[in-house]
Amino acid sequence: MATEVEAPLAGNIWEVLVEVGASVEEDDELVIIEALKMENPVYSPCDGTVKEIRVKKGDIVEEDDVLIILE
């Protein structure tokens, strides 16, 4: 079953730390969002494999936008 990883806040994608096909564990950092001059890591909610990455460095995201899909 696929799991959508959503942005917890609005901001700019500072860095994407994973690639499609990568295995991740719960609480691994996936993406860093820059908001209000602070770096905010987004963590994996579960173990899985990165199926799709919907953002890239420099993208602007809103709260609850889907960043990554895990399988």
PDB file of N, CA and C in Angstrom:
ATOM      1  N   MET A   1       0.835  -1.184   0.000  1.00  0.00           N
ATOM      2  CA  MET A   1       0.000   0.000   0.000  1.00  0.00           C
ATOM      3  C   MET A   1       0.879   1.246   0.000  1.00  0.00           C
ATOM      4  N   ALA A   2       0.552   2.217  -0.804  1.00  0.00           N
ATOM      5  CA  ALA A   2       1.350   3.435  -0.923  1.00  0.00           C
ATOM      6  C   ALA A   2       1.071   4.392   0.239  1.00  0.00           C
ATOM      7  N   THR A   3       2.120   5.086   0.660  1.00  0.00           N
ATOM      8  CA  THR A   3       2.019   6.093   1.707  1.00  0.00           C
ATOM      9  C   THR A   3       2.477   7.423   1.137  1.00  0.00           C
ATOM     10  N   GLU A   4       1.644   8.444   1.262  1.00  0.00           N
ATOM     11  CA  GLU A   4       2.008   9.777   0.792  1.00  0.00           C
ATOM     12  C   GLU A   4       2.673  10.545   1.929  1.00  0.00           C
ATOM     13  N   VAL A   5       3.840  11.108   1.645  1.00  0.00           N
ATOM     14  CA  VAL A   5       4.544  11.952   2.618  1.00  0.00           C
ATOM     15  C   VAL A   5       4.224  13.397   2.247  1.00  0.00           C
ATOM     16  N   GLU A   6       3.571  14.102   3.158  1.00  0.00           N
ATOM     17  CA  GLU A   6       3.112  15.458   2.879  1.00  0.00           C
ATOM     18  C   GLU A   6       3.974  16.500   3.577  1.00  0.00           C
ATOM     19  N   ALA A   7       3.971  17.699   3.027  1.00  0.00           N
ATOM     20  CA  ALA A   7       4.703  18.815   3.629  1.00  0.00           C
ATOM     21  C   ALA A   7       4.000  19.239   4.924  1.00  0.00           C
ATOM     22  N   PRO A   8       4.736  19.310   6.029  1.00  0.00           N
ATOM     23  CA  PRO A   8       4.119  19.726   7.287  1.00  0.00           C
ATOM     24  C   PRO A   8       3.904  21.239   7.369  1.00  0.00           C
ATOM     25  N   LEU A   9       4.564  21.986   6.462  1.00  0.00           N
ATOM     26  CA  LEU A   9       4.449  23.443   6.443  1.00  0.00           C
ATOM     27  C   LEU A   9       4.800  23.951   5.053  1.00  0.00           C
ATOM     28  N   ALA A  10       4.439  25.192   4.784  1.00  0.00           N
ATOM     29  CA  ALA A  10       4.776  25.804   3.499  1.00  0.00           C
ATOM     30  C   ALA A  10       6.225  26.270   3.517  1.00  0.00           C
ATOM     31  N   GLY A  11       6.876  26.217   2.355  1.00  0.00           N
ATOM     32  CA  GLY A  11       8.255  26.682   2.261  1.00  0.00           C
ATOM     33  C   GLY A  11       8.892  26.277   0.951  1.00  0.00           C
ATOM     34  N   ASN A  12      10.223  26.380   0.901  1.00  0.00           N
ATOM     35  CA  ASN A  12      10.997  26.007  -0.285  1.00  0.00           C
ATOM     36  C   ASN A  12      11.694  24.678  -0.039  1.00  0.00           C
ATOM     37  N   ILE A  13      11.752  23.847  -1.061  1.00  0.00           N
ATOM     38  CA  ILE A  13      12.504  22.600  -0.940  1.00  0.00           C
ATOM     39  C   ILE A  13      13.990  22.960  -0.940  1.00  0.00           C
ATOM     40  N   TRP A  14      14.635  22.715   0.159  1.00  0.00           N
ATOM     41  CA  TRP A  14      16.048  23.035   0.327  1.00  0.00           C
ATOM     42  C   TRP A  14      16.909  21.907  -0.225  1.00  0.00           C
ATOM     43  N   GLU A  15      16.465  20.665   0.047  1.00  0.00           N
ATOM     44  CA  GLU A  15      17.227  19.506  -0.417  1.00  0.00           C
ATOM     45  C   GLU A  15      16.343  18.267  -0.399  1.00  0.00           C
ATOM     46  N   VAL A  16      16.512  17.409  -1.408  1.00  0.00           N
ATOM     47  CA  VAL A  16      15.868  16.098  -1.454  1.00  0.00           C
ATOM     48  C   VAL A  16      16.961  15.092  -1.137  1.00  0.00           C
ATOM     49  N   LEU A  17      16.767  14.309  -0.085  1.00  0.00           N
ATOM     50  CA  LEU A  17      17.825  13.440   0.434  1.00  0.00           C
ATOM     51  C   LEU A  17      17.744  11.997  -0.038  1.00  0.00           C
ATOM     52  N   VAL A  18      16.724  11.655  -0.820  1.00  0.00           N
ATOM     53  CA  VAL A  18      16.546  10.273  -1.289  1.00  0.00           C
ATOM     54  C   VAL A  18      16.341  10.263  -2.807  1.00  0.00           C
ATOM     55  N   GLU A  19      16.432   9.077  -3.380  1.00  0.00           N
ATOM     56  CA  GLU A  19      16.194   8.879  -4.809  1.00  0.00           C
ATOM     57  C   GLU A  19      15.133   7.805  -4.986  1.00  0.00           C
ATOM     58  N   VAL A  20      14.484   7.792  -6.143  1.00  0.00           N
ATOM     59  CA  VAL A  20      13.505   6.747  -6.446  1.00  0.00           C
ATOM     60  C   VAL A  20      14.204   5.389  -6.355  1.00  0.00           C
ATOM     61  N   GLY A  21      13.546   4.451  -5.681  1.00  0.00           N
ATOM     62  CA  GLY A  21      14.089   3.110  -5.512  1.00  0.00           C
ATOM     63  C   GLY A  21      14.834   2.913  -4.207  1.00  0.00           C
ATOM     64  N   ALA A  22      15.105   3.995  -3.499  1.00  0.00           N
ATOM     65  CA  ALA A  22      15.838   3.897  -2.232  1.00  0.00           C
ATOM     66  C   ALA A  22      14.963   3.268  -1.155  1.00  0.00           C
ATOM     67  N   SER A  23      15.571   2.430  -0.338  1.00  0.00           N
ATOM     68  CA  SER A  23      14.881   1.875   0.823  1.00  0.00           C
ATOM     69  C   SER A  23      15.056   2.844   1.981  1.00  0.00           C
ATOM     70  N   VAL A  24      13.962   3.114   2.681  1.00  0.00           N
ATOM     71  CA  VAL A  24      14.012   4.011   3.829  1.00  0.00           C
ATOM     72  C   VAL A  24      13.382   3.332   5.031  1.00  0.00           C
ATOM     73  N   GLU A  25      13.797   3.780   6.198  1.00  0.00           N
ATOM     74  CA  GLU A  25      13.226   3.284   7.441  1.00  0.00           C
ATOM     75  C   GLU A  25      12.449   4.407   8.103  1.00  0.00           C
ATOM     76  N   GLU A  26      11.541   4.037   8.985  1.00  0.00           N
ATOM     77  CA  GLU A  26      10.774   5.035   9.718  1.00  0.00           C
ATOM     78  C   GLU A  26      11.718   6.025  10.381  1.00  0.00           C
ATOM     79  N   ASP A  27      11.402   7.305  10.292  1.00  0.00           N
ATOM     80  CA  ASP A  27      12.163   8.418  10.870  1.00  0.00           C
ATOM     81  C   ASP A  27      13.427   8.798  10.097  1.00  0.00           C
ATOM     82  N   ASP A  28      13.678   8.199   8.926  1.00  0.00           N
ATOM     83  CA  ASP A  28      14.777   8.674   8.063  1.00  0.00           C
ATOM     84  C   ASP A  28      14.387  10.032   7.497  1.00  0.00           C
ATOM     85  N   GLU A  29      15.357  10.934   7.351  1.00  0.00           N
ATOM     86  CA  GLU A  29      15.091  12.226   6.720  1.00  0.00           C
ATOM     87  C   GLU A  29      14.938  12.027   5.221  1.00  0.00           C
ATOM     88  N   LEU A  30      13.885  12.601   4.642  1.00  0.00           N
ATOM     89  CA  LEU A  30      13.619  12.465   3.216  1.00  0.00           C
ATOM     90  C   LEU A  30      13.876  13.767   2.466  1.00  0.00           C
ATOM     91  N   VAL A  31      13.408  14.864   3.049  1.00  0.00           N
ATOM     92  CA  VAL A  31      13.446  16.169   2.398  1.00  0.00           C
ATOM     93  C   VAL A  31      13.709  17.215   3.477  1.00  0.00           C
ATOM     94  N   ILE A  32      14.362  18.309   3.088  1.00  0.00           N
ATOM     95  CA  ILE A  32      14.502  19.441   3.989  1.00  0.00           C
ATOM     96  C   ILE A  32      13.770  20.623   3.362  1.00  0.00           C
ATOM     97  N   ILE A  33      12.855  21.207   4.136  1.00  0.00           N
ATOM     98  CA  ILE A  33      12.095  22.378   3.696  1.00  0.00           C
ATOM     99  C   ILE A  33      12.628  23.596   4.432  1.00  0.00           C
ATOM    100  N   GLU A  34      12.912  24.663   3.678  1.00  0.00           N
ATOM    101  CA  GLU A  34      13.355  25.921   4.287  1.00  0.00           C
ATOM    102  C   GLU A  34      12.137  26.815   4.436  1.00  0.00           C
ATOM    103  N   ALA A  35      11.904  27.245   5.673  1.00  0.00           N
ATOM    104  CA  ALA A  35      10.787  28.154   5.954  1.00  0.00           C
ATOM    105  C   ALA A  35      11.219  29.094   7.068  1.00  0.00           C
ATOM    106  N   LEU A  36      11.000  30.368   6.873  1.00  0.00           N
ATOM    107  CA  LEU A  36      11.371  31.378   7.869  1.00  0.00           C
ATOM    108  C   LEU A  36      12.852  31.291   8.241  1.00  0.00           C
ATOM    109  N   LYS A  37      13.672  31.038   7.224  1.00  0.00           N
ATOM    110  CA  LYS A  37      15.137  30.940   7.371  1.00  0.00           C
ATOM    111  C   LYS A  37      15.582  29.793   8.281  1.00  0.00           C
ATOM    112  N   MET A  38      14.719  28.801   8.445  1.00  0.00           N
ATOM    113  CA  MET A  38      15.057  27.608   9.226  1.00  0.00           C
ATOM    114  C   MET A  38      14.921  26.383   8.339  1.00  0.00           C
ATOM    115  N   GLU A  39      15.809  25.403   8.557  1.00  0.00           N
ATOM    116  CA  GLU A  39      15.725  24.134   7.838  1.00  0.00           C
ATOM    117  C   GLU A  39      14.856  23.174   8.643  1.00  0.00           C
ATOM    118  N   ASN A  40      13.826  22.637   7.998  1.00  0.00           N
ATOM    119  CA  ASN A  40      12.877  21.745   8.657  1.00  0.00           C
ATOM    120  C   ASN A  40      12.881  20.388   7.959  1.00  0.00           C
ATOM    121  N   PRO A  41      13.444  19.361   8.602  1.00  0.00           N
ATOM    122  CA  PRO A  41      13.461  18.043   7.970  1.00  0.00           C
ATOM    123  C   PRO A  41      12.080  17.407   7.946  1.00  0.00           C
ATOM    124  N   VAL A  42      11.829  16.641   6.885  1.00  0.00           N
ATOM    125  CA  VAL A  42      10.606  15.852   6.771  1.00  0.00           C
ATOM    126  C   VAL A  42      11.037  14.397   6.871  1.00  0.00           C
ATOM    127  N   TYR A  43      10.446  13.677   7.821  1.00  0.00           N
ATOM    128  CA  TYR A  43      10.857  12.303   8.115  1.00  0.00           C
ATOM    129  C   TYR A  43       9.895  11.288   7.506  1.00  0.00           C
ATOM    130  N   SER A  44      10.422  10.106   7.248  1.00  0.00           N
ATOM    131  CA  SER A  44       9.601   9.016   6.740  1.00  0.00           C
ATOM    132  C   SER A  44       8.663   8.541   7.850  1.00  0.00           C
ATOM    133  N   PRO A  45       7.367   8.398   7.538  1.00  0.00           N
ATOM    134  CA  PRO A  45       6.417   7.928   8.549  1.00  0.00           C
ATOM    135  C   PRO A  45       6.454   6.412   8.757  1.00  0.00           C
ATOM    136  N   CYS A  46       7.155   5.699   7.849  1.00  0.00           N
ATOM    137  CA  CYS A  46       7.179   4.243   7.919  1.00  0.00           C
ATOM    138  C   CYS A  46       8.360   3.696   7.117  1.00  0.00           C
ATOM    139  N   ASP A  47       8.619   2.404   7.262  1.00  0.00           N
ATOM    140  CA  ASP A  47       9.603   1.734   6.421  1.00  0.00           C
ATOM    141  C   ASP A  47       9.020   1.584   5.021  1.00  0.00           C
ATOM    142  N   GLY A  48       9.871   1.622   4.006  1.00  0.00           N
ATOM    143  CA  GLY A  48       9.369   1.429   2.650  1.00  0.00           C
ATOM    144  C   GLY A  48      10.405   1.727   1.602  1.00  0.00           C
ATOM    145  N   THR A  49       9.942   1.807   0.373  1.00  0.00           N
ATOM    146  CA  THR A  49      10.784   2.109  -0.786  1.00  0.00           C
ATOM    147  C   THR A  49      10.214   3.356  -1.456  1.00  0.00           C
ATOM    148  N   VAL A  50      11.102   4.258  -1.862  1.00  0.00           N
ATOM    149  CA  VAL A  50      10.666   5.483  -2.523  1.00  0.00           C
ATOM    150  C   VAL A  50      10.163   5.117  -3.918  1.00  0.00           C
ATOM    151  N   LYS A  51       8.869   5.329  -4.148  1.00  0.00           N
ATOM    152  CA  LYS A  51       8.253   5.008  -5.438  1.00  0.00           C
ATOM    153  C   LYS A  51       8.258   6.221  -6.365  1.00  0.00           C
ATOM    154  N   GLU A  52       8.007   7.408  -5.785  1.00  0.00           N
ATOM    155  CA  GLU A  52       7.904   8.620  -6.599  1.00  0.00           C
ATOM    156  C   GLU A  52       8.321   9.829  -5.772  1.00  0.00           C
ATOM    157  N   ILE A  53       9.044  10.749  -6.418  1.00  0.00           N
ATOM    158  CA  ILE A  53       9.413  12.015  -5.794  1.00  0.00           C
ATOM    159  C   ILE A  53       8.739  13.114  -6.610  1.00  0.00           C
ATOM    160  N   ARG A  54       7.894  13.906  -5.960  1.00  0.00           N
ATOM    161  CA  ARG A  54       7.100  14.901  -6.677  1.00  0.00           C
ATOM    162  C   ARG A  54       7.665  16.314  -6.575  1.00  0.00           C
ATOM    163  N   VAL A  55       8.818  16.469  -5.920  1.00  0.00           N
ATOM    164  CA  VAL A  55       9.419  17.800  -5.768  1.00  0.00           C
ATOM    165  C   VAL A  55      10.905  17.731  -6.111  1.00  0.00           C
ATOM    166  N   LYS A  56      11.478  18.915  -6.333  1.00  0.00           N
ATOM    167  CA  LYS A  56      12.923  19.013  -6.553  1.00  0.00           C
ATOM    168  C   LYS A  56      13.431  20.241  -5.813  1.00  0.00           C
ATOM    169  N   LYS A  57      14.727  20.327  -5.658  1.00  0.00           N
ATOM    170  CA  LYS A  57      15.339  21.454  -4.966  1.00  0.00           C
ATOM    171  C   LYS A  57      14.868  22.761  -5.601  1.00  0.00           C
ATOM    172  N   GLY A  58      14.458  23.698  -4.755  1.00  0.00           N
ATOM    173  CA  GLY A  58      14.011  24.997  -5.227  1.00  0.00           C
ATOM    174  C   GLY A  58      12.505  25.136  -5.398  1.00  0.00           C
ATOM    175  N   ASP A  59      11.783  24.012  -5.412  1.00  0.00           N
ATOM    176  CA  ASP A  59      10.324  24.082  -5.535  1.00  0.00           C
ATOM    177  C   ASP A  59       9.721  24.756  -4.313  1.00  0.00           C
ATOM    178  N   ILE A  60       8.609  25.444  -4.527  1.00  0.00           N
ATOM    179  CA  ILE A  60       7.845  26.032  -3.432  1.00  0.00           C
ATOM    180  C   ILE A  60       6.657  25.121  -3.163  1.00  0.00           C
ATOM    181  N   VAL A  61       6.464  24.746  -1.902  1.00  0.00           N
ATOM    182  CA  VAL A  61       5.366  23.856  -1.537  1.00  0.00           C
ATOM    183  C   VAL A  61       4.476  24.521  -0.500  1.00  0.00           C
ATOM    184  N   GLU A  62       3.241  24.082  -0.493  1.00  0.00           N
ATOM    185  CA  GLU A  62       2.266  24.522   0.505  1.00  0.00           C
ATOM    186  C   GLU A  62       2.070  23.390   1.514  1.00  0.00           C
ATOM    187  N   GLU A  63       1.562  23.733   2.674  1.00  0.00           N
ATOM    188  CA  GLU A  63       1.266  22.724   3.687  1.00  0.00           C
ATOM    189  C   GLU A  63       0.359  21.655   3.087  1.00  0.00           C
ATOM    190  N   ASP A  64       0.648  20.403   3.379  1.00  0.00           N
ATOM    191  CA  ASP A  64      -0.098  19.219   2.932  1.00  0.00           C
ATOM    192  C   ASP A  64       0.121  18.833   1.474  1.00  0.00           C
ATOM    193  N   ASP A  65       1.012  19.527   0.734  1.00  0.00           N
ATOM    194  CA  ASP A  65       1.376  19.068  -0.613  1.00  0.00           C
ATOM    195  C   ASP A  65       2.087  17.720  -0.498  1.00  0.00           C
ATOM    196  N   VAL A  66       1.829  16.820  -1.440  1.00  0.00           N
ATOM    197  CA  VAL A  66       2.503  15.515  -1.432  1.00  0.00           C
ATOM    198  C   VAL A  66       3.919  15.693  -1.972  1.00  0.00           C
ATOM    199  N   LEU A  67       4.904  15.262  -1.181  1.00  0.00           N
ATOM    200  CA  LEU A  67       6.307  15.384  -1.562  1.00  0.00           C
ATOM    201  C   LEU A  67       6.841  14.092  -2.159  1.00  0.00           C
ATOM    202  N   ILE A  68       6.559  13.001  -1.471  1.00  0.00           N
ATOM    203  CA  ILE A  68       7.118  11.690  -1.844  1.00  0.00           C
ATOM    204  C   ILE A  68       6.059  10.628  -1.612  1.00  0.00           C
ATOM    205  N   ILE A  69       6.084   9.602  -2.463  1.00  0.00           N
ATOM    206  CA  ILE A  69       5.225   8.441  -2.270  1.00  0.00           C
ATOM    207  C   ILE A  69       6.111   7.247  -1.961  1.00  0.00           C
ATOM    208  N   LEU A  70       5.786   6.582  -0.854  1.00  0.00           N
ATOM    209  CA  LEU A  70       6.506   5.372  -0.429  1.00  0.00           C
ATOM    210  C   LEU A  70       5.632   4.164  -0.685  1.00  0.00           C
ATOM    211  N   GLU A  71       6.284   3.049  -0.951  1.00  0.00           N
ATOM    212  CA  GLU A  71       5.543   1.798  -1.164  1.00  0.00           C
ATOM    213  C   GLU A  71       6.032   0.759  -0.184  1.00  0.00           C
TER     214      GLU A  71
END
